[in-house]
């Protein structure tokens, strides 16, 4: 039994291996900029970049839609009727719920 334990602890008797092991342990778990925090930060950055792309796409779509509304009277009228339920005189509006 003691022979097996000696076999496992033999590499840690070397001062360079011991120093390197302590350094790696310190960098992975105890440092202010440890590996675990870096991984979490990397995930957050990826998530934020995906959100950024989503919102940039929405901005492009909204700019296109706004340009259509500014240039076409028909599109503006359609938008006002659909979104704000505006109507012409002597006109009835019937709302249909789609379930």
PDB file of N, CA and C in Angstrom:
ATOM      1  N   UNK A   1       0.823  -1.197   0.000  1.00  0.00           N
ATOM      2  CA  UNK A   1       0.000   0.000   0.000  1.00  0.00           C
ATOM      3  C   UNK A   1       0.867   1.260   0.000  1.00  0.00           C
ATOM      4  N   UNK A   2       1.884   1.242   0.856  1.00  0.00           N
ATOM      5  CA  UNK A   2       2.777   2.390   0.936  1.00  0.00           C
ATOM      6  C   UNK A   2       3.536   2.580  -0.373  1.00  0.00           C
ATOM      7  N   UNK A   3       3.802   1.476  -1.041  1.00  0.00           N
ATOM      8  CA  UNK A   3       4.511   1.527  -2.322  1.00  0.00           C
ATOM      9  C   UNK A   3       3.672   2.241  -3.389  1.00  0.00           C
ATOM     10  N   UNK A   4       2.357   2.001  -3.397  1.00  0.00           N
ATOM     11  CA  UNK A   4       1.467   2.667  -4.346  1.00  0.00           C
ATOM     12  C   UNK A   4       1.393   4.158  -4.052  1.00  0.00           C
ATOM     13  N   UNK A   5       1.332   4.506  -2.781  1.00  0.00           N
ATOM     14  CA  UNK A   5       1.257   5.910  -2.390  1.00  0.00           C
ATOM     15  C   UNK A   5       2.542   6.643  -2.755  1.00  0.00           C
ATOM     16  N   UNK A   6       3.661   5.992  -2.582  1.00  0.00           N
ATOM     17  CA  UNK A   6       4.944   6.580  -2.946  1.00  0.00           C
ATOM     18  C   UNK A   6       5.017   6.790  -4.453  1.00  0.00           C
ATOM     19  N   UNK A   7       4.479   5.867  -5.188  1.00  0.00           N
ATOM     20  CA  UNK A   7       4.476   5.969  -6.647  1.00  0.00           C
ATOM     21  C   UNK A   7       3.646   7.177  -7.111  1.00  0.00           C
ATOM     22  N   UNK A   8       2.546   7.462  -6.423  1.00  0.00           N
ATOM     23  CA  UNK A   8       1.699   8.595  -6.804  1.00  0.00           C
ATOM     24  C   UNK A   8       2.293   9.936  -6.388  1.00  0.00           C
ATOM     25  N   UNK A   9       2.977   9.990  -5.267  1.00  0.00           N
ATOM     26  CA  UNK A   9       3.515  11.259  -4.770  1.00  0.00           C
ATOM     27  C   UNK A   9       4.917  11.556  -5.279  1.00  0.00           C
ATOM     28  N   UNK A  10       5.540  10.632  -5.967  1.00  0.00           N
ATOM     29  CA  UNK A  10       6.917  10.822  -6.436  1.00  0.00           C
ATOM     30  C   UNK A  10       7.079  12.053  -7.328  1.00  0.00           C
ATOM     31  N   UNK A  11       6.193  12.320  -8.294  1.00  0.00           N
ATOM     32  CA  UNK A  11       6.397  13.508  -9.130  1.00  0.00           C
ATOM     33  C   UNK A  11       6.325  14.819  -8.343  1.00  0.00           C
ATOM     34  N   UNK A  12       5.586  14.848  -7.259  1.00  0.00           N
ATOM     35  CA  UNK A  12       5.435  16.088  -6.497  1.00  0.00           C
ATOM     36  C   UNK A  12       6.616  16.357  -5.571  1.00  0.00           C
ATOM     37  N   UNK A  13       7.556  15.466  -5.522  1.00  0.00           N
ATOM     38  CA  UNK A  13       8.767  15.711  -4.737  1.00  0.00           C
ATOM     39  C   UNK A  13       9.730  16.620  -5.502  1.00  0.00           C
ATOM     40  N   UNK A  14       9.574  16.697  -6.795  1.00  0.00           N
ATOM     41  CA  UNK A  14      10.393  17.589  -7.606  1.00  0.00           C
ATOM     42  C   UNK A  14       9.883  19.014  -7.395  1.00  0.00           C
ATOM     43  N   UNK A  15      10.777  19.942  -7.060  1.00  0.00           N
ATOM     44  CA  UNK A  15      10.345  21.300  -6.732  1.00  0.00           C
ATOM     45  C   UNK A  15       9.756  22.030  -7.938  1.00  0.00           C
ATOM     46  N   UNK A  16      10.173  21.700  -9.142  1.00  0.00           N
ATOM     47  CA  UNK A  16       9.634  22.353 -10.332  1.00  0.00           C
ATOM     48  C   UNK A  16       8.209  21.883 -10.623  1.00  0.00           C
ATOM     49  N   UNK A  17       7.983  20.605 -10.493  1.00  0.00           N
ATOM     50  CA  UNK A  17       6.639  20.065 -10.706  1.00  0.00           C
ATOM     51  C   UNK A  17       5.703  20.596  -9.635  1.00  0.00           C
ATOM     52  N   UNK A  18       6.179  20.641  -8.410  1.00  0.00           N
ATOM     53  CA  UNK A  18       5.365  21.164  -7.314  1.00  0.00           C
ATOM     54  C   UNK A  18       5.052  22.643  -7.533  1.00  0.00           C
ATOM     55  N   UNK A  19       6.037  23.425  -7.932  1.00  0.00           N
ATOM     56  CA  UNK A  19       5.817  24.852  -8.193  1.00  0.00           C
ATOM     57  C   UNK A  19       4.838  25.056  -9.337  1.00  0.00           C
ATOM     58  N   UNK A  20       5.017  24.311 -10.407  1.00  0.00           N
ATOM     59  CA  UNK A  20       4.110  24.428 -11.552  1.00  0.00           C
ATOM     60  C   UNK A  20       2.688  24.016 -11.170  1.00  0.00           C
ATOM     61  N   UNK A  21       2.553  22.958 -10.399  1.00  0.00           N
ATOM     62  CA  UNK A  21       1.223  22.501  -9.971  1.00  0.00           C
ATOM     63  C   UNK A  21       0.541  23.552  -9.107  1.00  0.00           C
ATOM     64  N   UNK A  22       1.276  24.145  -8.191  1.00  0.00           N
ATOM     65  CA  UNK A  22       0.704  25.201  -7.351  1.00  0.00           C
ATOM     66  C   UNK A  22       0.330  26.426  -8.184  1.00  0.00           C
ATOM     67  N   UNK A  23       1.158  26.760  -9.162  1.00  0.00           N
ATOM     68  CA  UNK A  23       0.855  27.885 -10.041  1.00  0.00           C
ATOM     69  C   UNK A  23      -0.432  27.638 -10.826  1.00  0.00           C
ATOM     70  N   UNK A  24      -0.569  26.452 -11.397  1.00  0.00           N
ATOM     71  CA  UNK A  24      -1.775  26.118 -12.159  1.00  0.00           C
ATOM     72  C   UNK A  24      -2.991  26.132 -11.248  1.00  0.00           C
ATOM     73  N   UNK A  25      -2.867  25.560 -10.069  1.00  0.00           N
ATOM     74  CA  UNK A  25      -3.968  25.555  -9.106  1.00  0.00           C
ATOM     75  C   UNK A  25      -4.372  26.983  -8.751  1.00  0.00           C
ATOM     76  N   UNK A  26      -3.379  27.830  -8.523  1.00  0.00           N
ATOM     77  CA  UNK A  26      -3.663  29.231  -8.187  1.00  0.00           C
ATOM     78  C   UNK A  26      -4.365  29.946  -9.343  1.00  0.00           C
ATOM     79  N   UNK A  27      -3.887  29.757 -10.557  1.00  0.00           N
ATOM     80  CA  UNK A  27      -4.462  30.438 -11.716  1.00  0.00           C
ATOM     81  C   UNK A  27      -5.875  29.954 -12.031  1.00  0.00           C
ATOM     82  N   UNK A  28      -6.141  28.687 -11.799  1.00  0.00           N
ATOM     83  CA  UNK A  28      -7.458  28.141 -12.135  1.00  0.00           C
ATOM     84  C   UNK A  28      -8.501  28.533 -11.101  1.00  0.00           C
ATOM     85  N   UNK A  29      -8.151  28.555  -9.827  1.00  0.00           N
ATOM     86  CA  UNK A  29      -9.175  28.729  -8.803  1.00  0.00           C
ATOM     87  C   UNK A  29      -9.078  30.012  -7.982  1.00  0.00           C
ATOM     88  N   UNK A  30      -7.892  30.496  -7.657  1.00  0.00           N
ATOM     89  CA  UNK A  30      -7.777  31.536  -6.644  1.00  0.00           C
ATOM     90  C   UNK A  30      -7.442  32.929  -7.160  1.00  0.00           C
ATOM     91  N   UNK A  31      -6.953  33.063  -8.333  1.00  0.00           N
ATOM     92  CA  UNK A  31      -6.558  34.364  -8.863  1.00  0.00           C
ATOM     93  C   UNK A  31      -7.783  35.239  -9.126  1.00  0.00           C
ATOM     94  N   UNK A  32      -7.599  36.561  -9.127  1.00  0.00           N
ATOM     95  CA  UNK A  32      -8.710  37.478  -9.412  1.00  0.00           C
ATOM     96  C   UNK A  32      -9.252  37.281 -10.822  1.00  0.00           C
ATOM     97  N   UNK A  33      -8.412  36.901 -11.737  1.00  0.00           N
ATOM     98  CA  UNK A  33      -8.813  36.659 -13.128  1.00  0.00           C
ATOM     99  C   UNK A  33      -8.680  35.163 -13.422  1.00  0.00           C
ATOM    100  N   UNK A  34      -9.306  34.360 -12.594  1.00  0.00           N
ATOM    101  CA  UNK A  34      -9.119  32.912 -12.722  1.00  0.00           C
ATOM    102  C   UNK A  34      -9.826  32.357 -13.949  1.00  0.00           C
ATOM    103  N   UNK A  35      -9.524  31.132 -14.238  1.00  0.00           N
ATOM    104  CA  UNK A  35     -10.020  30.479 -15.446  1.00  0.00           C
ATOM    105  C   UNK A  35     -11.535  30.342 -15.438  1.00  0.00           C
ATOM    106  N   UNK A  36     -12.108  30.055 -14.285  1.00  0.00           N
ATOM    107  CA  UNK A  36     -13.558  29.886 -14.198  1.00  0.00           C
ATOM    108  C   UNK A  36     -14.282  31.199 -14.504  1.00  0.00           C
ATOM    109  N   UNK A  37     -13.758  32.309 -13.986  1.00  0.00           N
ATOM    110  CA  UNK A  37     -14.361  33.614 -14.288  1.00  0.00           C
ATOM    111  C   UNK A  37     -14.183  33.979 -15.758  1.00  0.00           C
ATOM    112  N   UNK A  38     -13.049  33.624 -16.314  1.00  0.00           N
ATOM    113  CA  UNK A  38     -12.817  33.905 -17.736  1.00  0.00           C
ATOM    114  C   UNK A  38     -13.796  33.141 -18.615  1.00  0.00           C
ATOM    115  N   UNK A  39     -14.077  31.899 -18.273  1.00  0.00           N
ATOM    116  CA  UNK A  39     -15.035  31.108 -19.050  1.00  0.00           C
ATOM    117  C   UNK A  39     -16.422  31.727 -18.953  1.00  0.00           C
ATOM    118  N   UNK A  40     -16.818  32.134 -17.746  1.00  0.00           N
ATOM    119  CA  UNK A  40     -18.130  32.771 -17.570  1.00  0.00           C
ATOM    120  C   UNK A  40     -18.198  34.085 -18.347  1.00  0.00           C
ATOM    121  N   UNK A  41     -17.124  34.859 -18.316  1.00  0.00           N
ATOM    122  CA  UNK A  41     -17.092  36.123 -19.057  1.00  0.00           C
ATOM    123  C   UNK A  41     -17.165  35.877 -20.561  1.00  0.00           C
ATOM    124  N   UNK A  42     -16.482  34.858 -21.035  1.00  0.00           N
ATOM    125  CA  UNK A  42     -16.514  34.518 -22.458  1.00  0.00           C
ATOM    126  C   UNK A  42     -17.927  34.146 -22.883  1.00  0.00           C
ATOM    127  N   UNK A  43     -18.631  33.390 -22.053  1.00  0.00           N
ATOM    128  CA  UNK A  43     -20.023  33.034 -22.365  1.00  0.00           C
ATOM    129  C   UNK A  43     -20.906  34.276 -22.392  1.00  0.00           C
ATOM    130  N   UNK A  44     -20.701  35.174 -21.431  1.00  0.00           N
ATOM    131  CA  UNK A  44     -21.483  36.413 -21.409  1.00  0.00           C
ATOM    132  C   UNK A  44     -21.226  37.250 -22.655  1.00  0.00           C
ATOM    133  N   UNK A  45     -19.973  37.325 -23.073  1.00  0.00           N
ATOM    134  CA  UNK A  45     -19.628  38.101 -24.267  1.00  0.00           C
ATOM    135  C   UNK A  45     -20.289  37.505 -25.499  1.00  0.00           C
ATOM    136  N   UNK A  46     -20.274  36.175 -25.616  1.00  0.00           N
ATOM    137  CA  UNK A  46     -20.943  35.536 -26.759  1.00  0.00           C
ATOM    138  C   UNK A  46     -22.439  35.821 -26.740  1.00  0.00           C
ATOM    139  N   UNK A  47     -23.051  35.755 -25.570  1.00  0.00           N
ATOM    140  CA  UNK A  47     -24.486  36.029 -25.452  1.00  0.00           C
ATOM    141  C   UNK A  47     -24.784  37.475 -25.843  1.00  0.00           C
ATOM    142  N   UNK A  48     -23.962  38.403 -25.368  1.00  0.00           N
ATOM    143  CA  UNK A  48     -24.165  39.812 -25.696  1.00  0.00           C
ATOM    144  C   UNK A  48     -23.946  40.080 -27.183  1.00  0.00           C
ATOM    145  N   UNK A  49     -22.999  39.398 -27.800  1.00  0.00           N
ATOM    146  CA  UNK A  49     -22.790  39.566 -29.244  1.00  0.00           C
ATOM    147  C   UNK A  49     -23.981  39.053 -30.041  1.00  0.00           C
ATOM    148  N   UNK A  50     -24.572  37.942 -29.584  1.00  0.00           N
ATOM    149  CA  UNK A  50     -25.781  37.446 -30.259  1.00  0.00           C
ATOM    150  C   UNK A  50     -26.927  38.443 -30.108  1.00  0.00           C
ATOM    151  N   UNK A  51     -27.072  39.018 -28.913  1.00  0.00           N
ATOM    152  CA  UNK A  51     -28.110  40.029 -28.708  1.00  0.00           C
ATOM    153  C   UNK A  51     -27.850  41.255 -29.572  1.00  0.00           C
ATOM    154  N   UNK A  52     -26.592  41.631 -29.676  1.00  0.00           N
ATOM    155  CA  UNK A  52     -26.228  42.782 -30.501  1.00  0.00           C
ATOM    156  C   UNK A  52     -26.620  42.546 -31.947  1.00  0.00           C
ATOM    157  N   UNK A  53     -26.324  41.369 -32.479  1.00  0.00           N
ATOM    158  CA  UNK A  53     -26.700  41.046 -33.857  1.00  0.00           C
ATOM    159  C   UNK A  53     -28.214  41.054 -34.029  1.00  0.00           C
ATOM    160  N   UNK A  54     -28.937  40.531 -33.046  1.00  0.00           N
ATOM    161  CA  UNK A  54     -30.398  40.523 -33.111  1.00  0.00           C
ATOM    162  C   UNK A  54     -30.928  41.954 -33.185  1.00  0.00           C
ATOM    163  N   UNK A  55     -30.433  42.817 -32.312  1.00  0.00           N
ATOM    164  CA  UNK A  55     -30.932  44.189 -32.292  1.00  0.00           C
ATOM    165  C   UNK A  55     -30.501  44.985 -33.522  1.00  0.00           C
ATOM    166  N   UNK A  56     -29.318  44.713 -34.040  1.00  0.00           N
ATOM    167  CA  UNK A  56     -28.910  45.376 -35.281  1.00  0.00           C
ATOM    168  C   UNK A  56     -29.813  44.960 -36.436  1.00  0.00           C
ATOM    169  N   UNK A  57     -30.190  43.691 -36.471  1.00  0.00           N
ATOM    170  CA  UNK A  57     -31.120  43.217 -37.496  1.00  0.00           C
ATOM    171  C   UNK A  57     -32.478  43.893 -37.335  1.00  0.00           C
ATOM    172  N   UNK A  58     -32.954  44.017 -36.097  1.00  0.00           N
ATOM    173  CA  UNK A  58     -34.232  44.689 -35.851  1.00  0.00           C
ATOM    174  C   UNK A  58     -34.163  46.158 -36.281  1.00  0.00           C
ATOM    175  N   UNK A  59     -33.049  46.817 -36.051  1.00  0.00           N
ATOM    176  CA  UNK A  59     -32.885  48.213 -36.456  1.00  0.00           C
ATOM    177  C   UNK A  59     -32.946  48.324 -37.975  1.00  0.00           C
ATOM    178  N   UNK A  60     -32.279  47.403 -38.677  1.00  0.00           N
ATOM    179  CA  UNK A  60     -32.335  47.427 -40.143  1.00  0.00           C
ATOM    180  C   UNK A  60     -33.762  47.226 -40.640  1.00  0.00           C
ATOM    181  N   UNK A  61     -34.477  46.283 -40.038  1.00  0.00           N
ATOM    182  CA  UNK A  61     -35.869  46.045 -40.441  1.00  0.00           C
ATOM    183  C   UNK A  61     -36.740  47.267 -40.159  1.00  0.00           C
ATOM    184  N   UNK A  62     -36.539  47.884 -39.004  1.00  0.00           N
ATOM    185  CA  UNK A  62     -37.339  49.060 -38.654  1.00  0.00           C
ATOM    186  C   UNK A  62     -37.032  50.247 -39.562  1.00  0.00           C
ATOM    187  N   UNK A  63     -35.768  50.404 -39.935  1.00  0.00           N
ATOM    188  CA  UNK A  63     -35.422  51.486 -40.867  1.00  0.00           C
ATOM    189  C   UNK A  63     -36.092  51.275 -42.221  1.00  0.00           C
ATOM    190  N   UNK A  64     -36.092  50.029 -42.679  1.00  0.00           N
ATOM    191  CA  UNK A  64     -36.753  49.715 -43.948  1.00  0.00           C
ATOM    192  C   UNK A  64     -38.240  50.005 -43.850  1.00  0.00           C
ATOM    193  N   UNK A  65     -38.844  49.574 -42.760  1.00  0.00           N
ATOM    194  CA  UNK A  65     -40.283  49.798 -42.553  1.00  0.00           C
ATOM    195  C   UNK A  65     -40.586  51.296 -42.467  1.00  0.00           C
ATOM    196  N   UNK A  66     -39.761  52.047 -41.757  1.00  0.00           N
ATOM    197  CA  UNK A  66     -39.954  53.492 -41.631  1.00  0.00           C
ATOM    198  C   UNK A  66     -39.818  54.175 -42.983  1.00  0.00           C
ATOM    199  N   UNK A  67     -38.862  53.752 -43.775  1.00  0.00           N
ATOM    200  CA  UNK A  67     -38.687  54.317 -45.110  1.00  0.00           C
ATOM    201  C   UNK A  67     -39.920  54.048 -45.973  1.00  0.00           C
ATOM    202  N   UNK A  68     -40.475  52.836 -45.859  1.00  0.00           N
ATOM    203  CA  UNK A  68     -41.698  52.521 -46.600  1.00  0.00           C
ATOM    204  C   UNK A  68     -42.853  53.409 -46.146  1.00  0.00           C
ATOM    205  N   UNK A  69     -42.959  53.631 -44.842  1.00  0.00           N
ATOM    206  CA  UNK A  69     -44.047  54.467 -44.323  1.00  0.00           C
ATOM    207  C   UNK A  69     -43.899  55.922 -44.764  1.00  0.00           C
ATOM    208  N   UNK A  70     -42.669  56.396 -44.862  1.00  0.00           N
ATOM    209  CA  UNK A  70     -42.442  57.784 -45.268  1.00  0.00           C
ATOM    210  C   UNK A  70     -42.680  57.994 -46.760  1.00  0.00           C
ATOM    211  N   UNK A  71     -42.465  56.967 -47.561  1.00  0.00           N
ATOM    212  CA  UNK A  71     -42.534  57.158 -49.010  1.00  0.00           C
ATOM    213  C   UNK A  71     -43.865  56.748 -49.624  1.00  0.00           C
ATOM    214  N   UNK A  72     -44.625  55.892 -48.983  1.00  0.00           N
ATOM    215  CA  UNK A  72     -45.847  55.385 -49.592  1.00  0.00           C
ATOM    216  C   UNK A  72     -47.062  55.741 -48.734  1.00  0.00           C
ATOM    217  N   UNK A  73     -47.988  56.464 -49.334  1.00  0.00           N
ATOM    218  CA  UNK A  73     -49.213  56.848 -48.631  1.00  0.00           C
ATOM    219  C   UNK A  73     -50.069  55.613 -48.369  1.00  0.00           C
ATOM    220  N   UNK A  74     -50.101  54.701 -49.322  1.00  0.00           N
ATOM    221  CA  UNK A  74     -50.886  53.477 -49.163  1.00  0.00           C
ATOM    222  C   UNK A  74     -50.373  52.649 -47.972  1.00  0.00           C
ATOM    223  N   UNK A  75     -49.063  52.524 -47.850  1.00  0.00           N
ATOM    224  CA  UNK A  75     -48.478  51.770 -46.745  1.00  0.00           C
ATOM    225  C   UNK A  75     -48.754  52.460 -45.415  1.00  0.00           C
ATOM    226  N   UNK A  76     -48.686  53.786 -45.399  1.00  0.00           N
ATOM    227  CA  UNK A  76     -48.974  54.542 -44.184  1.00  0.00           C
ATOM    228  C   UNK A  76     -50.426  54.350 -43.762  1.00  0.00           C
ATOM    229  N   UNK A  77     -51.333  54.394 -44.715  1.00  0.00           N
ATOM    230  CA  UNK A  77     -52.750  54.199 -44.403  1.00  0.00           C
ATOM    231  C   UNK A  77     -52.995  52.783 -43.883  1.00  0.00           C
ATOM    232  N   UNK A  78     -52.384  51.804 -44.503  1.00  0.00           N
ATOM    233  CA  UNK A  78     -52.532  50.417 -44.066  1.00  0.00           C
ATOM    234  C   UNK A  78     -52.007  50.243 -42.640  1.00  0.00           C
ATOM    235  N   UNK A  79     -50.873  50.844 -42.353  1.00  0.00           N
ATOM    236  CA  UNK A  79     -50.290  50.760 -41.014  1.00  0.00           C
ATOM    237  C   UNK A  79     -51.207  51.403 -39.975  1.00  0.00           C
ATOM    238  N   UNK A  80     -51.736  52.587 -40.281  1.00  0.00           N
ATOM    239  CA  UNK A  80     -52.621  53.286 -39.345  1.00  0.00           C
ATOM    240  C   UNK A  80     -53.889  52.479 -39.093  1.00  0.00           C
ATOM    241  N   UNK A  81     -54.429  51.877 -40.124  1.00  0.00           N
ATOM    242  CA  UNK A  81     -55.649  51.073 -39.965  1.00  0.00           C
ATOM    243  C   UNK A  81     -55.389  49.818 -39.134  1.00  0.00           C
ATOM    244  N   UNK A  82     -54.269  49.157 -39.369  1.00  0.00           N
ATOM    245  CA  UNK A  82     -53.994  47.905 -38.668  1.00  0.00           C
ATOM    246  C   UNK A  82     -53.537  48.129 -37.230  1.00  0.00           C
ATOM    247  N   UNK A  83     -52.671  49.094 -37.025  1.00  0.00           N
ATOM    248  CA  UNK A  83     -52.086  49.266 -35.700  1.00  0.00           C
ATOM    249  C   UNK A  83     -52.930  50.136 -34.767  1.00  0.00           C
ATOM    250  N   UNK A  84     -53.542  51.163 -35.304  1.00  0.00           N
ATOM    251  CA  UNK A  84     -54.256  52.124 -34.463  1.00  0.00           C
ATOM    252  C   UNK A  84     -55.761  52.112 -34.692  1.00  0.00           C
ATOM    253  N   UNK A  85     -56.247  51.167 -35.487  1.00  0.00           N
ATOM    254  CA  UNK A  85     -57.677  50.982 -35.752  1.00  0.00           C
ATOM    255  C   UNK A  85     -58.342  52.263 -36.248  1.00  0.00           C
ATOM    256  N   UNK A  86     -57.635  53.017 -37.052  1.00  0.00           N
ATOM    257  CA  UNK A  86     -58.204  54.232 -37.637  1.00  0.00           C
ATOM    258  C   UNK A  86     -59.129  53.847 -38.782  1.00  0.00           C
ATOM    259  N   UNK A  87     -60.113  54.694 -39.013  1.00  0.00           N
ATOM    260  CA  UNK A  87     -61.085  54.391 -40.067  1.00  0.00           C
ATOM    261  C   UNK A  87     -61.498  55.668 -40.766  1.00  0.00           C
ATOM    262  N   UNK A  88     -62.095  55.483 -41.925  1.00  0.00           N
ATOM    263  CA  UNK A  88     -62.643  56.614 -42.669  1.00  0.00           C
ATOM    264  C   UNK A  88     -64.055  56.879 -42.164  1.00  0.00           C
ATOM    265  N   UNK A  89     -64.594  58.038 -42.529  1.00  0.00           N
ATOM    266  CA  UNK A  89     -65.966  58.349 -42.133  1.00  0.00           C
ATOM    267  C   UNK A  89     -66.925  57.364 -42.791  1.00  0.00           C
ATOM    268  N   UNK A  90     -68.020  57.088 -42.111  1.00  0.00           N
ATOM    269  CA  UNK A  90     -69.052  56.163 -42.590  1.00  0.00           C
ATOM    270  C   UNK A  90     -68.482  54.767 -42.861  1.00  0.00           C
ATOM    271  N   UNK A  91     -67.556  54.346 -42.022  1.00  0.00           N
ATOM    272  CA  UNK A  91     -66.938  53.039 -42.196  1.00  0.00           C
ATOM    273  C   UNK A  91     -66.981  52.314 -40.850  1.00  0.00           C
ATOM    274  N   UNK A  92     -67.325  51.048 -40.866  1.00  0.00           N
ATOM    275  CA  UNK A  92     -67.358  50.248 -39.646  1.00  0.00           C
ATOM    276  C   UNK A  92     -66.147  49.323 -39.618  1.00  0.00           C
ATOM    277  N   UNK A  93     -65.653  49.084 -38.407  1.00  0.00           N
ATOM    278  CA  UNK A  93     -64.508  48.188 -38.229  1.00  0.00           C
ATOM    279  C   UNK A  93     -64.973  46.971 -37.440  1.00  0.00           C
ATOM    280  N   UNK A  94     -64.639  45.815 -37.935  1.00  0.00           N
ATOM    281  CA  UNK A  94     -64.945  44.566 -37.247  1.00  0.00           C
ATOM    282  C   UNK A  94     -63.624  43.881 -36.918  1.00  0.00           C
ATOM    283  N   UNK A  95     -63.407  43.604 -35.644  1.00  0.00           N
ATOM    284  CA  UNK A  95     -62.191  42.921 -35.218  1.00  0.00           C
ATOM    285  C   UNK A  95     -62.454  41.430 -35.143  1.00  0.00           C
ATOM    286  N   UNK A  96     -61.579  40.666 -35.728  1.00  0.00           N
ATOM    287  CA  UNK A  96     -61.705  39.212 -35.734  1.00  0.00           C
ATOM    288  C   UNK A  96     -60.532  38.644 -34.940  1.00  0.00           C
ATOM    289  N   UNK A  97     -60.848  37.912 -33.874  1.00  0.00           N
ATOM    290  CA  UNK A  97     -59.800  37.260 -33.085  1.00  0.00           C
ATOM    291  C   UNK A  97     -59.472  35.918 -33.700  1.00  0.00           C
ATOM    292  N   UNK A  98     -58.199  35.721 -33.969  1.00  0.00           N
ATOM    293  CA  UNK A  98     -57.753  34.431 -34.484  1.00  0.00           C
ATOM    294  C   UNK A  98     -57.215  33.626 -33.317  1.00  0.00           C
ATOM    295  N   UNK A  99     -57.846  32.505 -33.043  1.00  0.00           N
ATOM    296  CA  UNK A  99     -57.433  31.686 -31.899  1.00  0.00           C
ATOM    297  C   UNK A  99     -56.654  30.484 -32.331  1.00  0.00           C
TER     298      UNK A  99
END
